[in-house]
Protein backbone atom coordinates (compact mmCIF):
# COMPACT_ATOMS: atom_id res chain seq x y z
CA MET A 1 42.49 -31.57 28.60
CA SER A 2 43.00 -28.54 30.83
CA LEU A 3 40.48 -27.76 33.58
CA SER A 4 39.16 -24.31 34.39
CA PRO A 5 40.78 -22.96 37.55
CA THR A 6 38.73 -22.54 40.68
CA GLU A 7 39.67 -21.79 44.27
CA ASP A 8 39.79 -25.51 45.07
CA ARG A 9 40.43 -27.13 41.72
CA PRO A 10 43.88 -26.62 40.16
CA GLU A 11 44.08 -25.79 36.49
CA VAL A 12 46.93 -28.26 35.84
CA ASP A 13 48.72 -30.99 37.74
CA VAL A 14 52.16 -29.43 37.28
CA ALA A 15 53.45 -26.04 36.23
CA VAL A 16 57.00 -26.04 34.86
CA VAL A 17 58.66 -22.64 35.05
CA SER A 18 61.05 -22.02 32.16
CA GLY A 19 61.08 -23.19 28.59
CA GLY A 20 64.77 -23.98 28.45
CA ILE A 21 65.89 -27.46 27.53
CA VAL A 22 65.69 -28.74 31.13
CA GLY A 23 62.20 -27.34 31.71
CA LEU A 24 60.90 -28.70 28.41
CA ALA A 25 62.41 -32.11 29.14
CA VAL A 26 60.73 -32.12 32.56
CA ALA A 27 57.39 -31.24 30.95
CA ARG A 28 57.81 -34.10 28.47
CA SER A 29 58.64 -36.54 31.26
CA LEU A 30 55.58 -35.56 33.31
CA ALA A 31 53.15 -35.45 30.38
CA SER A 32 54.10 -38.88 29.03
CA GLY A 33 54.25 -42.45 30.29
CA ASP A 34 51.57 -44.72 31.71
CA ASP A 35 50.19 -42.00 33.98
CA PRO A 36 50.47 -38.70 32.10
CA LEU A 37 49.89 -35.50 34.03
CA SER A 38 48.51 -32.21 32.75
CA VAL A 39 51.42 -29.79 32.44
CA ARG A 40 51.81 -26.12 31.57
CA VAL A 41 55.21 -24.60 30.79
CA LEU A 42 55.59 -20.92 31.70
CA GLU A 43 58.37 -19.26 29.70
CA ARG A 44 59.29 -15.62 30.37
CA ASP A 45 60.46 -14.90 26.81
CA ALA A 46 58.72 -14.99 23.44
CA VAL A 47 60.54 -18.15 22.38
CA VAL A 48 61.78 -21.30 24.09
CA GLY A 49 65.47 -22.00 24.64
CA GLY A 50 66.55 -18.38 24.37
CA HIS A 51 69.19 -18.24 27.09
CA GLN A 52 71.68 -20.90 28.24
CA THR A 53 70.03 -23.46 25.94
CA GLY A 54 70.66 -21.34 22.87
CA HIS A 55 73.96 -19.67 23.79
CA ASN A 56 76.51 -22.43 24.33
CA SER A 57 79.10 -24.43 22.42
CA GLY A 58 76.67 -27.29 21.71
CA VAL A 59 78.83 -30.00 23.26
CA VAL A 60 77.33 -33.34 24.24
CA HIS A 61 79.51 -34.23 27.21
CA ALA A 62 80.51 -37.82 27.94
CA GLY A 63 80.98 -37.63 31.72
CA VAL A 64 84.75 -37.13 31.91
CA TYR A 65 85.15 -34.29 34.39
CA TYR A 66 82.72 -34.77 37.22
CA LEU A 67 83.39 -35.98 40.73
CA PRO A 68 82.26 -39.63 40.95
CA GLY A 69 79.02 -39.92 42.89
CA SER A 70 77.94 -36.35 42.14
CA LEU A 71 74.67 -35.58 40.37
CA LYS A 72 76.64 -34.36 37.37
CA ALA A 73 78.50 -37.67 37.18
CA GLN A 74 75.33 -39.72 37.58
CA LEU A 75 73.20 -37.77 35.13
CA CYS A 76 75.65 -36.78 32.40
CA VAL A 77 76.44 -40.26 31.07
CA GLU A 78 72.79 -41.33 31.15
CA GLY A 79 71.68 -37.97 29.79
CA ALA A 80 74.03 -38.26 26.81
CA ARG A 81 72.73 -41.77 26.05
CA LEU A 82 69.14 -40.52 26.16
CA LEU A 83 69.99 -37.42 24.12
CA TYR A 84 71.63 -39.38 21.30
CA ALA A 85 68.61 -41.69 21.15
CA TYR A 86 66.15 -38.78 21.23
CA CYS A 87 67.89 -36.85 18.45
CA GLU A 88 68.16 -39.91 16.25
CA GLN A 89 64.48 -40.71 16.80
CA HIS A 90 63.28 -37.15 16.11
CA GLY A 91 65.62 -36.24 13.28
CA VAL A 92 67.66 -33.64 15.16
CA PRO A 93 71.23 -33.54 13.74
CA ILE A 94 73.77 -34.80 16.27
CA ASP A 95 77.34 -35.99 15.74
CA ARG A 96 79.67 -38.09 17.92
CA ARG A 97 82.57 -35.93 16.80
CA GLY A 98 84.95 -36.85 19.62
CA LYS A 99 87.08 -34.72 21.93
CA LEU A 100 90.72 -34.46 22.96
CA ILE A 101 91.69 -33.15 26.39
CA VAL A 102 95.32 -32.20 25.88
CA ALA A 103 98.15 -31.81 28.39
CA ARG A 104 100.54 -29.05 27.28
CA ASP A 105 103.48 -30.23 29.35
CA ALA A 106 104.50 -32.65 32.10
CA SER A 107 103.06 -30.44 34.85
CA GLU A 108 99.53 -31.25 33.63
CA ILE A 109 99.95 -35.04 33.62
CA PRO A 110 98.74 -35.52 37.24
CA ALA A 111 95.53 -33.62 36.45
CA LEU A 112 95.10 -35.70 33.29
CA ASP A 113 95.53 -38.84 35.42
CA GLU A 114 92.78 -37.59 37.74
CA LEU A 115 90.46 -36.97 34.80
CA THR A 116 91.14 -40.49 33.55
CA ARG A 117 90.24 -41.85 36.99
CA ARG A 118 87.04 -39.83 37.18
CA ALA A 119 85.96 -40.69 33.65
CA THR A 120 86.52 -44.39 34.24
CA ALA A 121 84.59 -44.30 37.51
CA ASN A 122 81.74 -42.40 35.82
CA GLY A 123 81.46 -44.89 32.98
CA ALA A 124 82.38 -42.46 30.20
CA PRO A 125 82.29 -44.73 27.13
CA GLY A 126 85.24 -45.57 24.89
CA LEU A 127 87.83 -43.49 26.72
CA ARG A 128 91.43 -43.79 25.48
CA ARG A 129 94.70 -42.36 26.82
CA LEU A 130 97.04 -41.07 24.12
CA ALA A 131 100.77 -40.47 24.09
CA ALA A 132 102.17 -37.41 22.32
CA GLU A 133 102.72 -39.22 19.02
CA GLU A 134 99.13 -40.57 19.04
CA ILE A 135 97.46 -37.16 19.31
CA GLU A 136 97.97 -36.50 15.59
CA GLU A 137 95.96 -39.63 14.74
CA VAL A 138 92.87 -37.90 16.11
CA GLU A 139 93.72 -34.22 15.51
CA PRO A 140 96.55 -33.94 12.95
CA HIS A 141 97.29 -30.29 13.75
CA CYS A 142 97.15 -30.54 17.54
CA ARG A 143 100.22 -30.74 19.77
CA GLY A 144 100.70 -31.84 23.38
CA VAL A 145 102.58 -34.31 25.56
CA ALA A 146 99.56 -36.54 26.29
CA ALA A 147 95.79 -36.52 25.92
CA ILE A 148 92.50 -38.21 26.71
CA HIS A 149 90.38 -39.10 23.71
CA SER A 150 86.64 -39.22 24.37
CA PRO A 151 85.00 -40.58 21.20
CA ALA A 152 81.50 -40.38 22.72
CA THR A 153 81.66 -36.58 23.12
CA GLY A 154 79.48 -35.01 20.46
CA ILE A 155 77.96 -31.82 19.13
CA VAL A 156 74.35 -30.75 18.66
CA ASP A 157 72.27 -27.59 18.38
CA TYR A 158 70.49 -27.49 21.74
CA SER A 159 68.04 -24.89 20.45
CA ALA A 160 66.92 -27.47 17.88
CA VAL A 161 66.50 -30.03 20.67
CA ALA A 162 64.42 -27.54 22.67
CA ARG A 163 62.21 -26.82 19.67
CA ALA A 164 61.70 -30.54 19.12
CA LEU A 165 60.70 -31.01 22.75
CA ALA A 166 58.26 -28.09 22.54
CA LEU A 167 56.71 -29.32 19.29
CA GLU A 168 56.46 -32.89 20.58
CA GLY A 169 54.01 -31.61 23.18
CA LEU A 170 52.68 -34.89 24.59
CA GLY A 171 49.87 -33.07 26.36
CA ALA A 172 51.93 -30.22 27.80
CA THR A 173 51.06 -26.66 26.82
CA VAL A 174 53.67 -23.91 26.50
CA ALA A 175 52.87 -20.31 27.39
CA THR A 176 55.52 -17.82 26.24
CA GLY A 177 55.77 -14.27 27.51
CA ALA A 178 54.68 -15.56 30.91
CA GLU A 179 57.32 -14.34 33.37
CA VAL A 180 56.43 -15.48 36.88
CA ALA A 181 56.22 -12.58 39.33
CA GLY A 182 54.45 -14.11 42.33
CA ILE A 183 54.00 -17.47 44.03
CA GLU A 184 51.33 -18.28 46.59
CA ARG A 185 50.53 -21.61 48.20
CA LYS A 186 46.96 -22.04 49.38
CA ARG A 187 44.71 -25.04 50.02
CA GLY A 188 47.24 -27.57 48.76
CA ALA A 189 48.00 -25.84 45.45
CA LEU A 190 50.30 -23.17 44.06
CA THR A 191 49.10 -20.05 42.30
CA LEU A 192 51.72 -18.64 39.96
CA ARG A 193 51.08 -15.05 38.94
CA HIS A 194 52.67 -14.23 35.63
CA ALA A 195 52.55 -11.74 32.79
CA LYS A 196 49.64 -13.52 31.15
CA GLY A 197 47.52 -13.99 34.26
CA GLU A 198 47.61 -16.83 36.77
CA THR A 199 48.20 -20.56 36.66
CA ARG A 200 47.01 -22.72 39.54
CA ALA A 201 48.80 -26.06 39.84
CA ARG A 202 48.99 -28.95 42.25
CA PHE A 203 52.79 -28.86 41.98
CA ALA A 204 55.50 -26.80 40.31
CA VAL A 205 58.99 -27.46 39.00
CA PHE A 206 61.26 -24.42 38.60
CA CYS A 207 64.10 -24.71 36.07
CA ALA A 208 64.65 -21.01 35.56
CA GLY A 209 68.42 -20.81 35.06
CA ALA A 210 69.66 -17.29 35.72
CA TRP A 211 66.47 -16.46 37.63
CA SER A 212 66.30 -19.70 39.64
CA ASP A 213 67.51 -18.19 42.92
CA ARG A 214 64.94 -15.38 42.90
CA LEU A 215 62.02 -17.70 42.23
CA ALA A 216 63.23 -20.20 44.82
CA VAL A 217 63.44 -17.49 47.50
CA MET A 218 60.01 -16.25 46.44
CA ALA A 219 58.69 -19.76 47.13
CA GLY A 220 60.36 -19.95 50.56
CA ALA A 221 63.75 -21.54 49.81
CA PRO A 222 66.97 -20.25 51.40
CA ALA A 223 68.94 -17.46 49.72
CA ASP A 224 72.06 -19.62 49.52
CA PRO A 225 73.29 -20.18 46.82
CA ARG A 226 72.94 -17.00 44.75
CA ILE A 227 73.17 -16.95 40.95
CA VAL A 228 76.12 -14.85 39.78
CA PRO A 229 76.11 -14.44 35.98
CA PHE A 230 79.28 -14.94 33.95
CA ARG A 231 79.58 -13.68 30.40
CA GLY A 232 81.27 -16.04 27.98
CA ALA A 233 82.44 -14.70 24.59
CA TYR A 234 83.35 -16.89 21.61
CA LEU A 235 85.42 -16.24 18.53
CA ARG A 236 84.82 -17.83 15.12
CA LEU A 237 87.58 -19.42 13.04
CA ARG A 238 87.62 -18.23 9.44
CA PRO A 239 86.43 -20.86 6.91
CA GLU A 240 89.85 -21.41 5.29
CA LYS A 241 91.27 -22.60 8.62
CA ARG A 242 88.41 -24.85 9.80
CA ASP A 243 90.19 -27.98 8.62
CA LEU A 244 92.75 -27.45 11.38
CA VAL A 245 90.14 -28.70 13.88
CA ARG A 246 88.34 -31.98 13.26
CA GLY A 247 86.34 -32.19 16.47
CA LEU A 248 86.84 -30.69 19.92
CA ILE A 249 90.15 -29.72 21.53
CA TYR A 250 90.07 -28.92 25.26
CA PRO A 251 92.73 -27.95 27.78
CA VAL A 252 93.26 -29.79 31.06
CA PRO A 253 90.98 -27.80 33.40
CA ASP A 254 91.69 -26.53 36.87
CA PRO A 255 89.95 -29.13 39.07
CA ALA A 256 89.10 -26.43 41.63
CA LEU A 257 86.92 -24.56 39.12
CA PRO A 258 83.63 -25.64 37.48
CA PHE A 259 84.75 -24.09 34.17
CA LEU A 260 86.38 -26.31 31.56
CA GLY A 261 88.64 -23.69 30.01
CA VAL A 262 88.87 -22.12 26.57
CA HIS A 263 88.40 -24.76 23.89
CA LEU A 264 88.15 -25.22 20.14
CA THR A 265 84.86 -26.72 18.99
CA ARG A 266 83.60 -27.79 15.59
CA HIS A 267 79.86 -27.11 15.63
CA ILE A 268 77.07 -29.10 14.04
CA ASP A 269 76.86 -26.54 11.18
CA GLY A 270 80.60 -26.80 10.44
CA GLU A 271 81.64 -23.57 12.16
CA VAL A 272 84.62 -23.75 14.52
CA SER A 273 84.63 -21.61 17.66
CA LEU A 274 87.15 -20.65 20.31
CA GLY A 275 85.85 -19.90 23.79
CA PRO A 276 84.35 -19.11 26.10
CA THR A 277 85.85 -16.46 28.29
CA ALA A 278 84.40 -16.22 31.82
CA LEU A 279 83.88 -12.68 33.07
CA LEU A 280 81.46 -11.46 35.72
CA ALA A 281 78.48 -10.12 33.78
CA PRO A 282 76.68 -6.83 34.55
CA GLY A 283 73.32 -8.51 34.08
CA ARG A 284 71.60 -11.86 33.70
CA GLU A 285 70.85 -10.98 30.08
CA ALA A 286 74.03 -8.99 29.37
CA TYR A 287 74.85 -10.58 26.03
CA ARG A 288 76.16 -7.32 24.56
CA LEU A 289 78.98 -5.25 26.03
CA ARG A 290 76.66 -2.28 26.46
CA ASP A 291 74.05 -4.29 28.41
CA PHE A 292 73.84 -3.34 32.07
CA ASP A 293 71.16 -4.16 34.65
CA VAL A 294 71.33 -2.17 37.87
CA ALA A 295 69.26 -4.67 39.85
CA ASP A 296 71.39 -7.61 38.71
CA VAL A 297 74.65 -5.80 39.52
CA ALA A 298 73.28 -4.88 42.94
CA ALA A 299 72.29 -8.50 43.57
CA THR A 300 75.80 -9.69 42.73
CA ALA A 301 77.50 -6.94 44.73
CA SER A 302 75.31 -7.46 47.81
CA TRP A 303 76.03 -11.19 48.00
CA PRO A 304 78.93 -11.91 50.42
CA GLY A 305 79.95 -14.89 48.33
CA SER A 306 80.70 -12.66 45.33
CA TRP A 307 83.44 -10.78 47.18
CA ARG A 308 84.87 -13.93 48.75
CA MET A 309 84.94 -15.58 45.33
CA ALA A 310 86.69 -12.53 43.82
CA ARG A 311 89.37 -12.55 46.51
CA ARG A 312 90.00 -16.24 45.98
CA TRP A 313 90.14 -16.19 42.17
CA TRP A 314 91.49 -12.73 41.28
CA ARG A 315 94.47 -14.14 39.38
CA THR A 316 92.19 -16.28 37.21
CA GLY A 317 89.96 -13.24 36.76
CA ALA A 318 92.91 -11.18 35.54
CA THR A 319 93.67 -13.78 32.86
CA GLU A 320 90.03 -13.75 31.74
CA VAL A 321 90.07 -9.96 31.50
CA ARG A 322 93.21 -10.11 29.35
CA TRP A 323 91.59 -12.65 27.01
CA ALA A 324 88.40 -10.62 26.79
CA ALA A 325 90.32 -7.41 26.05
CA SER A 326 92.78 -8.84 23.55
CA ARG A 327 91.83 -11.09 20.66
CA ARG A 328 95.53 -11.69 20.12
CA ALA A 329 95.99 -13.03 23.66
CA PHE A 330 92.83 -15.12 23.31
CA ALA A 331 94.04 -16.62 20.03
CA ARG A 332 97.46 -17.36 21.52
CA ALA A 333 95.72 -19.57 24.08
CA ALA A 334 94.43 -21.67 21.18
CA ALA A 335 97.76 -21.70 19.37
CA VAL A 336 99.32 -23.54 22.31
CA TYR A 337 97.35 -26.57 21.10
CA VAL A 338 97.13 -25.84 17.36
CA PRO A 339 100.30 -23.89 16.46
CA GLU A 340 99.12 -23.05 12.93
CA LEU A 341 96.43 -20.72 14.30
CA ASP A 342 97.04 -16.96 14.18
CA PRO A 343 95.12 -14.07 15.79
CA GLY A 344 93.98 -12.95 12.35
CA ASP A 345 92.20 -16.26 11.85
CA PHE A 346 89.44 -15.31 14.32
CA SER A 347 86.52 -12.90 14.36
CA PRO A 348 83.81 -12.22 16.99
CA TYR A 349 81.12 -14.90 17.15
CA PHE A 350 78.47 -15.10 19.91
CA THR A 351 78.21 -14.71 23.66
CA GLY A 352 76.44 -16.62 26.38
CA ILE A 353 75.56 -16.08 30.02
CA ARG A 354 76.38 -18.86 32.45
CA ALA A 355 74.07 -18.92 35.47
CA GLN A 356 76.64 -19.96 38.07
CA ALA A 357 75.58 -20.56 41.66
CA VAL A 358 77.94 -19.06 44.24
CA ALA A 359 77.67 -20.07 47.89
CA ARG A 360 77.75 -17.57 50.74
CA ASP A 361 81.31 -18.66 51.57
CA GLY A 362 82.46 -17.79 48.04
CA ALA A 363 82.58 -21.34 46.67
CA LEU A 364 81.65 -21.79 43.03
CA VAL A 365 79.02 -24.52 43.33
CA ASP A 366 80.25 -27.41 41.20
CA ASP A 367 77.29 -29.82 41.22
CA PHE A 368 73.67 -29.59 40.21
CA VAL A 369 71.60 -28.32 43.14
CA ILE A 370 67.92 -29.16 43.66
CA HIS A 371 65.92 -27.67 46.53
CA GLU A 372 62.40 -28.47 47.65
CA THR A 373 59.74 -26.15 49.06
CA PRO A 374 56.13 -27.07 49.85
CA GLY A 375 54.57 -28.13 46.56
CA ALA A 376 57.62 -27.40 44.42
CA LEU A 377 61.09 -28.44 43.26
CA HIS A 378 63.75 -25.88 42.35
CA VAL A 379 66.78 -26.47 40.16
CA ARG A 380 69.18 -23.98 41.78
CA ASN A 381 72.36 -24.73 39.81
CA ALA A 382 72.32 -26.25 36.35
CA PRO A 383 75.18 -25.00 34.15
CA SER A 384 77.09 -27.38 31.88
CA PRO A 385 76.53 -30.32 31.48
CA ALA A 386 72.84 -29.60 32.17
CA ALA A 387 71.91 -29.51 28.48
CA THR A 388 73.59 -32.89 27.92
CA SER A 389 71.93 -34.21 31.08
CA ALA A 390 68.50 -32.66 30.47
CA LEU A 391 66.56 -35.84 29.74
CA ALA A 392 68.12 -37.62 32.73
CA ILE A 393 67.50 -34.61 35.00
CA ALA A 394 63.90 -34.69 33.76
CA GLU A 395 63.48 -38.32 34.78
CA LEU A 396 64.84 -37.55 38.26
CA LEU A 397 62.62 -34.50 38.75
CA GLY A 398 59.63 -36.24 37.21
CA ASP A 399 59.94 -39.14 39.64
CA ARG A 400 60.26 -36.76 42.60
CA ALA A 401 57.30 -34.67 41.46
CA ARG A 402 55.08 -37.73 41.00
CA ALA A 403 56.10 -39.04 44.42
CA SER A 404 55.22 -35.69 46.02
CA LEU A 405 51.85 -35.61 44.29
CA ALA A 406 51.09 -39.16 45.36
CA ALA A 407 51.93 -38.33 48.97
CA ALA A 408 49.83 -35.16 49.03
């Protein structure tokens, strides 16, 4: 039961800022167990899961790509296990569809070897290395010289997972339309000023995605890293050609980049998509080509890391621009792996915004980043596989929040 706020008596134990899948999972973790806490989720939009949670390819990652020992490596495998169990328990459709990571030619074999090493070290379940002639056993229309088969990779609708988490409740309340605009720490508690008033909490956990850097700085955290939004566009394969893709077909990614490359994905509803592209976005909500936010563009342009990143990756950027400008070029990237695909087989689908942290030195931050300020935790970088890892991230943040409350 919530308490009335006073100057000395917090309204709730913990405020969770953002109703994306990570924030909702954190709220569930804190409001359940042997010692449940009172929790209020503050979501800026009218619905939960409206941004990265609801605009992605819906892949349940198995832990193949991530540097062993990193937070991504530690939390992805456990997060996937928890996610499969949660969806099965709560009736959310989820499918271990399986994924191929395909080497186009001999030059990509060393990178495929490195992925095999990482996946094995991370404990990715059921991994299998395939020779060229074995690829067709998994994806009959796919071609390559070698591949990794990850049978534990799956697909799910993360918006449906977010809705299930919100409906489950477990003592947490969700306030939508409650964008946080001010943070003040006084007498051992935080006052969060938002569009619906104020919430006073003993502790706060910020999982605000594209707005995570601004809220962290508002609470006293360093400016580094800065969120730089990337717009990812997807194409949809026409229904008559969907049978060309059974599951998920991925390229061998550039290990220096946190992006996994343009891939073919069969979704939980049967649709097949190609994407995403990765272009700098003119806004943190720039889902449409005409969307433009002056403040967001200024924030990106004023960050030294943005220019250093651009100088380092301009060739990659040029390729992304070509794919974004030409559906034919974009489709040709898919036809490398599935030769029967033609540009006319695709139509526009949906777009997403990736909240990518960029360091001051121009590095694209590859791991999850969690900062701490007095009375609060801040998730500063949580792109893919954050949705897969959400329940495991929630356990980590929940333990740290409880420990901080106990020590206060």
